[in-house]
Amino acid sequence: MVGENKLQLEKLLNSGESSKITDTLLYIAYNINDVDWAEKQLMRMANNPDDDISGLALTCLGHIARINGKINKGTVIPFLMDKIKNSNEVVSSRAEDALDDIKMFT
């Protein structure tokens, strides 16, 4: 059941429909306890060309850290640092917020 749920979530993330994608990102952040899987999905979506989707995915990485008290710092922090350095102001500020959440809650 859990595997099927993740497959369904991945389909929604790949749907190309902004409202489905954003709802799914939030669902993952608040409801999925598999932090490794959630991180991978959120980082993948943080590379989306739509700033709203990318920014929300970054924010959700911060939510994962806050809710679960853990995150893969070796993977996520360098990813966020790259987003801060190499993204527009909207996306980089969301990455900075996520990094602050990680520092505070993990």
PDB file of N, CA and C in Angstrom:
ATOM      1  N   MET A   1       0.816  -1.201   0.000  1.00  0.00           N
ATOM      2  CA  MET A   1       0.000   0.000   0.000  1.00  0.00           C
ATOM      3  C   MET A   1       0.860   1.265   0.000  1.00  0.00           C
ATOM      4  N   VAL A   2       1.872   1.280   0.872  1.00  0.00           N
ATOM      5  CA  VAL A   2       2.727   2.469   0.938  1.00  0.00           C
ATOM      6  C   VAL A   2       3.444   2.681  -0.383  1.00  0.00           C
ATOM      7  N   GLY A   3       3.986   1.629  -0.993  1.00  0.00           N
ATOM      8  CA  GLY A   3       4.658   1.742  -2.279  1.00  0.00           C
ATOM      9  C   GLY A   3       3.727   2.270  -3.355  1.00  0.00           C
ATOM     10  N   GLU A   4       2.494   1.766  -3.348  1.00  0.00           N
ATOM     11  CA  GLU A   4       1.508   2.235  -4.320  1.00  0.00           C
ATOM     12  C   GLU A   4       1.200   3.710  -4.094  1.00  0.00           C
ATOM     13  N   ASN A   5       1.121   4.120  -2.840  1.00  0.00           N
ATOM     14  CA  ASN A   5       0.867   5.520  -2.518  1.00  0.00           C
ATOM     15  C   ASN A   5       1.994   6.393  -3.077  1.00  0.00           C
ATOM     16  N   LYS A   6       3.230   5.965  -2.906  1.00  0.00           N
ATOM     17  CA  LYS A   6       4.365   6.733  -3.418  1.00  0.00           C
ATOM     18  C   LYS A   6       4.331   6.807  -4.941  1.00  0.00           C
ATOM     19  N   LEU A   7       3.968   5.710  -5.586  1.00  0.00           N
ATOM     20  CA  LEU A   7       3.859   5.733  -7.047  1.00  0.00           C
ATOM     21  C   LEU A   7       2.786   6.714  -7.493  1.00  0.00           C
ATOM     22  N   GLN A   8       1.664   6.744  -6.787  1.00  0.00           N
ATOM     23  CA  GLN A   8       0.593   7.685  -7.112  1.00  0.00           C
ATOM     24  C   GLN A   8       1.070   9.125  -6.906  1.00  0.00           C
ATOM     25  N   LEU A   9       1.805   9.366  -5.836  1.00  0.00           N
ATOM     26  CA  LEU A   9       2.331  10.708  -5.574  1.00  0.00           C
ATOM     27  C   LEU A   9       3.309  11.124  -6.668  1.00  0.00           C
ATOM     28  N   GLU A  10       4.148  10.201  -7.101  1.00  0.00           N
ATOM     29  CA  GLU A  10       5.092  10.507  -8.183  1.00  0.00           C
ATOM     30  C   GLU A  10       4.346  10.840  -9.469  1.00  0.00           C
ATOM     31  N   LYS A  11       3.266  10.118  -9.755  1.00  0.00           N
ATOM     32  CA  LYS A  11       2.457  10.419 -10.942  1.00  0.00           C
ATOM     33  C   LYS A  11       1.882  11.828 -10.860  1.00  0.00           C
ATOM     34  N   LEU A  12       1.412  12.204  -9.685  1.00  0.00           N
ATOM     35  CA  LEU A  12       0.862  13.548  -9.499  1.00  0.00           C
ATOM     36  C   LEU A  12       1.949  14.613  -9.681  1.00  0.00           C
ATOM     37  N   LEU A  13       3.144  14.354  -9.154  1.00  0.00           N
ATOM     38  CA  LEU A  13       4.252  15.295  -9.324  1.00  0.00           C
ATOM     39  C   LEU A  13       4.637  15.446 -10.789  1.00  0.00           C
ATOM     40  N   ASN A  14       4.464  14.381 -11.559  1.00  0.00           N
ATOM     41  CA  ASN A  14       4.824  14.394 -12.977  1.00  0.00           C
ATOM     42  C   ASN A  14       3.671  14.820 -13.878  1.00  0.00           C
ATOM     43  N   SER A  15       2.549  15.210 -13.289  1.00  0.00           N
ATOM     44  CA  SER A  15       1.337  15.487 -14.064  1.00  0.00           C
ATOM     45  C   SER A  15       1.445  16.742 -14.931  1.00  0.00           C
ATOM     46  N   GLY A  16       2.315  17.673 -14.555  1.00  0.00           N
ATOM     47  CA  GLY A  16       2.408  18.919 -15.290  1.00  0.00           C
ATOM     48  C   GLY A  16       1.329  19.924 -14.913  1.00  0.00           C
ATOM     49  N   GLU A  17       0.460  19.558 -13.980  1.00  0.00           N
ATOM     50  CA  GLU A  17      -0.621  20.437 -13.533  1.00  0.00           C
ATOM     51  C   GLU A  17      -0.199  21.106 -12.219  1.00  0.00           C
ATOM     52  N   SER A  18      -0.004  22.407 -12.265  1.00  0.00           N
ATOM     53  CA  SER A  18       0.542  23.141 -11.119  1.00  0.00           C
ATOM     54  C   SER A  18      -0.215  22.891  -9.820  1.00  0.00           C
ATOM     55  N   SER A  19      -1.531  22.930  -9.865  1.00  0.00           N
ATOM     56  CA  SER A  19      -2.292  22.764  -8.618  1.00  0.00           C
ATOM     57  C   SER A  19      -2.117  21.358  -8.042  1.00  0.00           C
ATOM     58  N   LYS A  20      -2.076  20.347  -8.891  1.00  0.00           N
ATOM     59  CA  LYS A  20      -1.847  18.975  -8.409  1.00  0.00           C
ATOM     60  C   LYS A  20      -0.450  18.848  -7.828  1.00  0.00           C
ATOM     61  N   ILE A  21       0.520  19.458  -8.500  1.00  0.00           N
ATOM     62  CA  ILE A  21       1.906  19.372  -8.041  1.00  0.00           C
ATOM     63  C   ILE A  21       2.058  20.058  -6.685  1.00  0.00           C
ATOM     64  N   THR A  22       1.532  21.256  -6.548  1.00  0.00           N
ATOM     65  CA  THR A  22       1.700  21.971  -5.279  1.00  0.00           C
ATOM     66  C   THR A  22       0.969  21.257  -4.139  1.00  0.00           C
ATOM     67  N   ASP A  23      -0.212  20.756  -4.396  1.00  0.00           N
ATOM     68  CA  ASP A  23      -0.931  19.990  -3.366  1.00  0.00           C
ATOM     69  C   ASP A  23      -0.140  18.756  -2.959  1.00  0.00           C
ATOM     70  N   THR A  24       0.474  18.092  -3.935  1.00  0.00           N
ATOM     71  CA  THR A  24       1.242  16.876  -3.666  1.00  0.00           C
ATOM     72  C   THR A  24       2.505  17.194  -2.883  1.00  0.00           C
ATOM     73  N   LEU A  25       3.169  18.295  -3.211  1.00  0.00           N
ATOM     74  CA  LEU A  25       4.361  18.697  -2.458  1.00  0.00           C
ATOM     75  C   LEU A  25       4.016  18.894  -0.986  1.00  0.00           C
ATOM     76  N   LEU A  26       2.934  19.595  -0.724  1.00  0.00           N
ATOM     77  CA  LEU A  26       2.512  19.818   0.661  1.00  0.00           C
ATOM     78  C   LEU A  26       2.114  18.511   1.341  1.00  0.00           C
ATOM     79  N   TYR A  27       1.427  17.650   0.609  1.00  0.00           N
ATOM     80  CA  TYR A  27       1.046  16.351   1.173  1.00  0.00           C
ATOM     81  C   TYR A  27       2.294  15.573   1.586  1.00  0.00           C
ATOM     82  N   ILE A  28       3.284  15.541   0.719  1.00  0.00           N
ATOM     83  CA  ILE A  28       4.518  14.823   1.018  1.00  0.00           C
ATOM     84  C   ILE A  28       5.174  15.394   2.275  1.00  0.00           C
ATOM     85  N   ALA A  29       5.277  16.713   2.348  1.00  0.00           N
ATOM     86  CA  ALA A  29       5.942  17.338   3.495  1.00  0.00           C
ATOM     87  C   ALA A  29       5.250  17.002   4.809  1.00  0.00           C
ATOM     88  N   TYR A  30       3.941  16.972   4.809  1.00  0.00           N
ATOM     89  CA  TYR A  30       3.196  16.801   6.055  1.00  0.00           C
ATOM     90  C   TYR A  30       2.805  15.365   6.375  1.00  0.00           C
ATOM     91  N   ASN A  31       2.876  14.463   5.395  1.00  0.00           N
ATOM     92  CA  ASN A  31       2.321  13.124   5.629  1.00  0.00           C
ATOM     93  C   ASN A  31       3.250  11.948   5.364  1.00  0.00           C
ATOM     94  N   ILE A  32       4.366  12.160   4.715  1.00  0.00           N
ATOM     95  CA  ILE A  32       5.246  11.045   4.380  1.00  0.00           C
ATOM     96  C   ILE A  32       6.386  10.982   5.385  1.00  0.00           C
ATOM     97  N   ASN A  33       6.524   9.831   6.032  1.00  0.00           N
ATOM     98  CA  ASN A  33       7.565   9.659   7.052  1.00  0.00           C
ATOM     99  C   ASN A  33       8.874   9.129   6.483  1.00  0.00           C
ATOM    100  N   ASP A  34       8.865   8.701   5.235  1.00  0.00           N
ATOM    101  CA  ASP A  34      10.089   8.224   4.574  1.00  0.00           C
ATOM    102  C   ASP A  34      10.868   9.455   4.110  1.00  0.00           C
ATOM    103  N   VAL A  35      11.728   9.959   4.998  1.00  0.00           N
ATOM    104  CA  VAL A  35      12.429  11.212   4.750  1.00  0.00           C
ATOM    105  C   VAL A  35      13.306  11.122   3.505  1.00  0.00           C
ATOM    106  N   ASP A  36      13.982  10.002   3.314  1.00  0.00           N
ATOM    107  CA  ASP A  36      14.865   9.865   2.141  1.00  0.00           C
ATOM    108  C   ASP A  36      14.075   9.990   0.839  1.00  0.00           C
ATOM    109  N   TRP A  37      12.967   9.291   0.757  1.00  0.00           N
ATOM    110  CA  TRP A  37      12.142   9.349  -0.456  1.00  0.00           C
ATOM    111  C   TRP A  37      11.590  10.763  -0.646  1.00  0.00           C
ATOM    112  N   ALA A  38      11.089  11.347   0.440  1.00  0.00           N
ATOM    113  CA  ALA A  38      10.508  12.692   0.355  1.00  0.00           C
ATOM    114  C   ALA A  38      11.556  13.707  -0.110  1.00  0.00           C
ATOM    115  N   GLU A  39      12.759  13.630   0.463  1.00  0.00           N
ATOM    116  CA  GLU A  39      13.839  14.540   0.055  1.00  0.00           C
ATOM    117  C   GLU A  39      14.102  14.449  -1.440  1.00  0.00           C
ATOM    118  N   LYS A  40      14.189  13.227  -1.938  1.00  0.00           N
ATOM    119  CA  LYS A  40      14.475  13.032  -3.370  1.00  0.00           C
ATOM    120  C   LYS A  40      13.399  13.661  -4.239  1.00  0.00           C
ATOM    121  N   GLN A  41      12.144  13.465  -3.861  1.00  0.00           N
ATOM    122  CA  GLN A  41      11.052  14.029  -4.649  1.00  0.00           C
ATOM    123  C   GLN A  41      11.062  15.557  -4.580  1.00  0.00           C
ATOM    124  N   LEU A  42      11.290  16.086  -3.389  1.00  0.00           N
ATOM    125  CA  LEU A  42      11.286  17.539  -3.220  1.00  0.00           C
ATOM    126  C   LEU A  42      12.460  18.189  -3.940  1.00  0.00           C
ATOM    127  N   MET A  43      13.631  17.568  -3.867  1.00  0.00           N
ATOM    128  CA  MET A  43      14.782  18.137  -4.572  1.00  0.00           C
ATOM    129  C   MET A  43      14.575  18.063  -6.087  1.00  0.00           C
ATOM    130  N   ARG A  44      13.974  16.987  -6.546  1.00  0.00           N
ATOM    131  CA  ARG A  44      13.680  16.873  -7.979  1.00  0.00           C
ATOM    132  C   ARG A  44      12.743  17.996  -8.411  1.00  0.00           C
ATOM    133  N   MET A  45      11.724  18.248  -7.626  1.00  0.00           N
ATOM    134  CA  MET A  45      10.753  19.280  -7.982  1.00  0.00           C
ATOM    135  C   MET A  45      11.311  20.691  -7.762  1.00  0.00           C
ATOM    136  N   ALA A  46      12.321  20.821  -6.927  1.00  0.00           N
ATOM    137  CA  ALA A  46      12.964  22.122  -6.718  1.00  0.00           C
ATOM    138  C   ALA A  46      13.736  22.562  -7.959  1.00  0.00           C
ATOM    139  N   ASN A  47      13.941  21.647  -8.884  1.00  0.00           N
ATOM    140  CA  ASN A  47      14.589  21.978 -10.157  1.00  0.00           C
ATOM    141  C   ASN A  47      13.581  22.307 -11.252  1.00  0.00           C
ATOM    142  N   ASN A  48      12.304  22.373 -10.898  1.00  0.00           N
ATOM    143  CA  ASN A  48      11.259  22.695 -11.857  1.00  0.00           C
ATOM    144  C   ASN A  48      11.442  24.132 -12.348  1.00  0.00           C
ATOM    145  N   PRO A  49      11.226  24.382 -13.631  1.00  0.00           N
ATOM    146  CA  PRO A  49      11.396  25.745 -14.146  1.00  0.00           C
ATOM    147  C   PRO A  49      10.366  26.755 -13.624  1.00  0.00           C
ATOM    148  N   ASP A  50       9.249  26.278 -13.089  1.00  0.00           N
ATOM    149  CA  ASP A  50       8.235  27.155 -12.512  1.00  0.00           C
ATOM    150  C   ASP A  50       8.690  27.562 -11.106  1.00  0.00           C
ATOM    151  N   ASP A  51       8.931  28.851 -10.898  1.00  0.00           N
ATOM    152  CA  ASP A  51       9.430  29.337  -9.614  1.00  0.00           C
ATOM    153  C   ASP A  51       8.496  29.008  -8.453  1.00  0.00           C
ATOM    154  N   ASP A  52       7.195  28.999  -8.686  1.00  0.00           N
ATOM    155  CA  ASP A  52       6.257  28.673  -7.611  1.00  0.00           C
ATOM    156  C   ASP A  52       6.429  27.224  -7.159  1.00  0.00           C
ATOM    157  N   ILE A  53       6.571  26.327  -8.113  1.00  0.00           N
ATOM    158  CA  ILE A  53       6.753  24.915  -7.791  1.00  0.00           C
ATOM    159  C   ILE A  53       8.124  24.705  -7.151  1.00  0.00           C
ATOM    160  N   SER A  54       9.142  25.260  -7.762  1.00  0.00           N
ATOM    161  CA  SER A  54      10.493  25.124  -7.237  1.00  0.00           C
ATOM    162  C   SER A  54      10.584  25.687  -5.815  1.00  0.00           C
ATOM    163  N   GLY A  55      10.054  26.878  -5.619  1.00  0.00           N
ATOM    164  CA  GLY A  55      10.100  27.509  -4.307  1.00  0.00           C
ATOM    165  C   GLY A  55       9.350  26.727  -3.251  1.00  0.00           C
ATOM    166  N   LEU A  56       8.184  26.209  -3.609  1.00  0.00           N
ATOM    167  CA  LEU A  56       7.411  25.421  -2.649  1.00  0.00           C
ATOM    168  C   LEU A  56       8.149  24.133  -2.298  1.00  0.00           C
ATOM    169  N   ALA A  57       8.753  23.506  -3.269  1.00  0.00           N
ATOM    170  CA  ALA A  57       9.523  22.279  -2.998  1.00  0.00           C
ATOM    171  C   ALA A  57      10.647  22.567  -2.009  1.00  0.00           C
ATOM    172  N   LEU A  58      11.304  23.700  -2.166  1.00  0.00           N
ATOM    173  CA  LEU A  58      12.365  24.084  -1.232  1.00  0.00           C
ATOM    174  C   LEU A  58      11.798  24.335   0.160  1.00  0.00           C
ATOM    175  N   THR A  59      10.695  25.048   0.231  1.00  0.00           N
ATOM    176  CA  THR A  59      10.042  25.284   1.513  1.00  0.00           C
ATOM    177  C   THR A  59       9.671  23.967   2.184  1.00  0.00           C
ATOM    178  N   CYS A  60       9.197  23.032   1.396  1.00  0.00           N
ATOM    179  CA  CYS A  60       8.803  21.727   1.932  1.00  0.00           C
ATOM    180  C   CYS A  60       9.997  20.952   2.488  1.00  0.00           C
ATOM    181  N   LEU A  61      11.186  21.172   1.948  1.00  0.00           N
ATOM    182  CA  LEU A  61      12.376  20.561   2.548  1.00  0.00           C
ATOM    183  C   LEU A  61      12.551  21.070   3.979  1.00  0.00           C
ATOM    184  N   GLY A  62      12.312  22.341   4.191  1.00  0.00           N
ATOM    185  CA  GLY A  62      12.349  22.888   5.545  1.00  0.00           C
ATOM    186  C   GLY A  62      11.273  22.280   6.432  1.00  0.00           C
ATOM    187  N   HIS A  63      10.079  22.069   5.867  1.00  0.00           N
ATOM    188  CA  HIS A  63       8.993  21.436   6.621  1.00  0.00           C
ATOM    189  C   HIS A  63       9.382  20.022   7.048  1.00  0.00           C
ATOM    190  N   ILE A  64      10.018  19.279   6.141  1.00  0.00           N
ATOM    191  CA  ILE A  64      10.458  17.912   6.457  1.00  0.00           C
ATOM    192  C   ILE A  64      11.379  17.936   7.678  1.00  0.00           C
ATOM    193  N   ALA A  65      12.333  18.858   7.675  1.00  0.00           N
ATOM    194  CA  ALA A  65      13.264  18.969   8.799  1.00  0.00           C
ATOM    195  C   ALA A  65      12.517  19.325  10.088  1.00  0.00           C
ATOM    196  N   ARG A  66      11.603  20.258  10.000  1.00  0.00           N
ATOM    197  CA  ARG A  66      10.860  20.700  11.181  1.00  0.00           C
ATOM    198  C   ARG A  66       9.964  19.594  11.727  1.00  0.00           C
ATOM    199  N   ILE A  67       9.255  18.915  10.864  1.00  0.00           N
ATOM    200  CA  ILE A  67       8.288  17.898  11.286  1.00  0.00           C
ATOM    201  C   ILE A  67       8.980  16.642  11.791  1.00  0.00           C
ATOM    202  N   ASN A  68      10.037  16.209  11.094  1.00  0.00           N
ATOM    203  CA  ASN A  68      10.689  14.939  11.417  1.00  0.00           C
ATOM    204  C   ASN A  68      11.919  15.094  12.305  1.00  0.00           C
ATOM    205  N   GLY A  69      12.422  16.314  12.428  1.00  0.00           N
ATOM    206  CA  GLY A  69      13.614  16.534  13.240  1.00  0.00           C
ATOM    207  C   GLY A  69      14.877  15.971  12.632  1.00  0.00           C
ATOM    208  N   LYS A  70      14.799  15.622  11.351  1.00  0.00           N
ATOM    209  CA  LYS A  70      15.983  15.082  10.668  1.00  0.00           C
ATOM    210  C   LYS A  70      15.872  15.327   9.182  1.00  0.00           C
ATOM    211  N   ILE A  71      17.036  15.318   8.556  1.00  0.00           N
ATOM    212  CA  ILE A  71      17.128  15.436   7.106  1.00  0.00           C
ATOM    213  C   ILE A  71      18.530  15.003   6.737  1.00  0.00           C
ATOM    214  N   ASN A  72      18.736  14.581   5.520  1.00  0.00           N
ATOM    215  CA  ASN A  72      20.061  14.161   5.074  1.00  0.00           C
ATOM    216  C   ASN A  72      20.887  15.406   4.777  1.00  0.00           C
ATOM    217  N   LYS A  73      21.578  15.890   5.797  1.00  0.00           N
ATOM    218  CA  LYS A  73      22.322  17.146   5.665  1.00  0.00           C
ATOM    219  C   LYS A  73      23.405  17.068   4.598  1.00  0.00           C
ATOM    220  N   GLY A  74      24.021  15.904   4.441  1.00  0.00           N
ATOM    221  CA  GLY A  74      25.090  15.752   3.455  1.00  0.00           C
ATOM    222  C   GLY A  74      24.626  15.930   2.024  1.00  0.00           C
ATOM    223  N   THR A  75      23.362  15.687   1.781  1.00  0.00           N
ATOM    224  CA  THR A  75      22.779  15.843   0.456  1.00  0.00           C
ATOM    225  C   THR A  75      22.017  17.153   0.320  1.00  0.00           C
ATOM    226  N   VAL A  76      21.175  17.441   1.288  1.00  0.00           N
ATOM    227  CA  VAL A  76      20.249  18.565   1.175  1.00  0.00           C
ATOM    228  C   VAL A  76      20.945  19.914   1.340  1.00  0.00           C
ATOM    229  N   ILE A  77      21.860  20.035   2.296  1.00  0.00           N
ATOM    230  CA  ILE A  77      22.512  21.336   2.506  1.00  0.00           C
ATOM    231  C   ILE A  77      23.304  21.784   1.277  1.00  0.00           C
ATOM    232  N   PRO A  78      24.135  20.915   0.675  1.00  0.00           N
ATOM    233  CA  PRO A  78      24.820  21.367  -0.555  1.00  0.00           C
ATOM    234  C   PRO A  78      23.840  21.722  -1.674  1.00  0.00           C
ATOM    235  N   PHE A  79      22.740  20.985  -1.769  1.00  0.00           N
ATOM    236  CA  PHE A  79      21.717  21.272  -2.767  1.00  0.00           C
ATOM    237  C   PHE A  79      21.142  22.666  -2.535  1.00  0.00           C
ATOM    238  N   LEU A  80      20.809  22.970  -1.284  1.00  0.00           N
ATOM    239  CA  LEU A  80      20.265  24.295  -0.958  1.00  0.00           C
ATOM    240  C   LEU A  80      21.287  25.397  -1.192  1.00  0.00           C
ATOM    241  N   MET A  81      22.534  25.150  -0.845  1.00  0.00           N
ATOM    242  CA  MET A  81      23.587  26.144  -1.062  1.00  0.00           C
ATOM    243  C   MET A  81      23.715  26.462  -2.553  1.00  0.00           C
ATOM    244  N   ASP A  82      23.625  25.437  -3.386  1.00  0.00           N
ATOM    245  CA  ASP A  82      23.679  25.645  -4.832  1.00  0.00           C
ATOM    246  C   ASP A  82      22.489  26.487  -5.297  1.00  0.00           C
ATOM    247  N   LYS A  83      21.308  26.200  -4.758  1.00  0.00           N
ATOM    248  CA  LYS A  83      20.113  26.972  -5.121  1.00  0.00           C
ATOM    249  C   LYS A  83      20.260  28.434  -4.694  1.00  0.00           C
ATOM    250  N   ILE A  84      20.851  28.662  -3.533  1.00  0.00           N
ATOM    251  CA  ILE A  84      21.047  30.026  -3.046  1.00  0.00           C
ATOM    252  C   ILE A  84      21.980  30.786  -3.980  1.00  0.00           C
ATOM    253  N   LYS A  85      23.040  30.134  -4.413  1.00  0.00           N
ATOM    254  CA  LYS A  85      24.052  30.795  -5.251  1.00  0.00           C
ATOM    255  C   LYS A  85      23.629  30.945  -6.710  1.00  0.00           C
ATOM    256  N   ASN A  86      22.867  29.992  -7.218  1.00  0.00           N
ATOM    257  CA  ASN A  86      22.653  29.915  -8.662  1.00  0.00           C
ATOM    258  C   ASN A  86      21.196  30.073  -9.108  1.00  0.00           C
ATOM    259  N   SER A  87      20.365  30.653  -8.277  1.00  0.00           N
ATOM    260  CA  SER A  87      18.953  30.816  -8.637  1.00  0.00           C
ATOM    261  C   SER A  87      18.562  32.285  -8.568  1.00  0.00           C
ATOM    262  N   ASN A  88      17.405  32.586  -9.112  1.00  0.00           N
ATOM    263  CA  ASN A  88      16.889  33.952  -9.001  1.00  0.00           C
ATOM    264  C   ASN A  88      16.518  34.249  -7.547  1.00  0.00           C
ATOM    265  N   GLU A  89      16.186  35.497  -7.277  1.00  0.00           N
ATOM    266  CA  GLU A  89      15.939  35.938  -5.903  1.00  0.00           C
ATOM    267  C   GLU A  89      14.791  35.189  -5.231  1.00  0.00           C
ATOM    268  N   VAL A  90      13.742  34.911  -5.975  1.00  0.00           N
ATOM    269  CA  VAL A  90      12.582  34.213  -5.416  1.00  0.00           C
ATOM    270  C   VAL A  90      12.977  32.825  -4.924  1.00  0.00           C
ATOM    271  N   VAL A  91      13.638  32.077  -5.774  1.00  0.00           N
ATOM    272  CA  VAL A  91      14.022  30.707  -5.439  1.00  0.00           C
ATOM    273  C   VAL A  91      15.118  30.699  -4.376  1.00  0.00           C
ATOM    274  N   SER A  92      16.108  31.566  -4.508  1.00  0.00           N
ATOM    275  CA  SER A  92      17.208  31.557  -3.537  1.00  0.00           C
ATOM    276  C   SER A  92      16.717  31.928  -2.140  1.00  0.00           C
ATOM    277  N   SER A  93      15.754  32.821  -2.035  1.00  0.00           N
ATOM    278  CA  SER A  93      15.248  33.179  -0.707  1.00  0.00           C
ATOM    279  C   SER A  93      14.493  32.014  -0.068  1.00  0.00           C
ATOM    280  N   ARG A  94      13.802  31.236  -0.880  1.00  0.00           N
ATOM    281  CA  ARG A  94      13.106  30.046  -0.352  1.00  0.00           C
ATOM    282  C   ARG A  94      14.128  29.007   0.099  1.00  0.00           C
ATOM    283  N   ALA A  95      15.229  28.882  -0.635  1.00  0.00           N
ATOM    284  CA  ALA A  95      16.296  27.960  -0.234  1.00  0.00           C
ATOM    285  C   ALA A  95      16.929  28.411   1.082  1.00  0.00           C
ATOM    286  N   GLU A  96      17.123  29.714   1.246  1.00  0.00           N
ATOM    287  CA  GLU A  96      17.681  30.241   2.504  1.00  0.00           C
ATOM    288  C   GLU A  96      16.745  29.936   3.677  1.00  0.00           C
ATOM    289  N   ASP A  97      15.446  30.101   3.468  1.00  0.00           N
ATOM    290  CA  ASP A  97      14.477  29.791   4.526  1.00  0.00           C
ATOM    291  C   ASP A  97      14.527  28.312   4.903  1.00  0.00           C
ATOM    292  N   ALA A  98      14.623  27.446   3.904  1.00  0.00           N
ATOM    293  CA  ALA A  98      14.700  26.007   4.171  1.00  0.00           C
ATOM    294  C   ALA A  98      15.971  25.681   4.954  1.00  0.00           C
ATOM    295  N   LEU A  99      17.067  26.305   4.573  1.00  0.00           N
ATOM    296  CA  LEU A  99      18.333  26.085   5.271  1.00  0.00           C
ATOM    297  C   LEU A  99      18.224  26.537   6.732  1.00  0.00           C
ATOM    298  N   ASP A 100      17.577  27.663   6.961  1.00  0.00           N
ATOM    299  CA  ASP A 100      17.354  28.132   8.337  1.00  0.00           C
ATOM    300  C   ASP A 100      16.533  27.120   9.142  1.00  0.00           C
ATOM    301  N   ASP A 101      15.487  26.558   8.521  1.00  0.00           N
ATOM    302  CA  ASP A 101      14.670  25.545   9.208  1.00  0.00           C
ATOM    303  C   ASP A 101      15.503  24.321   9.545  1.00  0.00           C
ATOM    304  N   ILE A 102      16.346  23.893   8.634  1.00  0.00           N
ATOM    305  CA  ILE A 102      17.188  22.723   8.876  1.00  0.00           C
ATOM    306  C   ILE A 102      18.127  22.980  10.052  1.00  0.00           C
ATOM    307  N   LYS A 103      18.736  24.152  10.063  1.00  0.00           N
ATOM    308  CA  LYS A 103      19.652  24.500  11.164  1.00  0.00           C
ATOM    309  C   LYS A 103      18.914  24.562  12.495  1.00  0.00           C
ATOM    310  N   MET A 104      17.681  25.048  12.478  1.00  0.00           N
ATOM    311  CA  MET A 104      16.926  25.211  13.714  1.00  0.00           C
ATOM    312  C   MET A 104      16.357  23.904  14.257  1.00  0.00           C
ATOM    313  N   PHE A 105      15.910  23.026  13.357  1.00  0.00           N
ATOM    314  CA  PHE A 105      15.128  21.872  13.806  1.00  0.00           C
ATOM    315  C   PHE A 105      15.849  20.522  13.725  1.00  0.00           C
ATOM    316  N   THR A 106      17.080  20.512  13.220  1.00  0.00           N
ATOM    317  CA  THR A 106      17.778  19.217  13.151  1.00  0.00           C
ATOM    318  C   THR A 106      19.090  19.285  13.907  1.00  0.00           C
TER     319      THR A 106
END
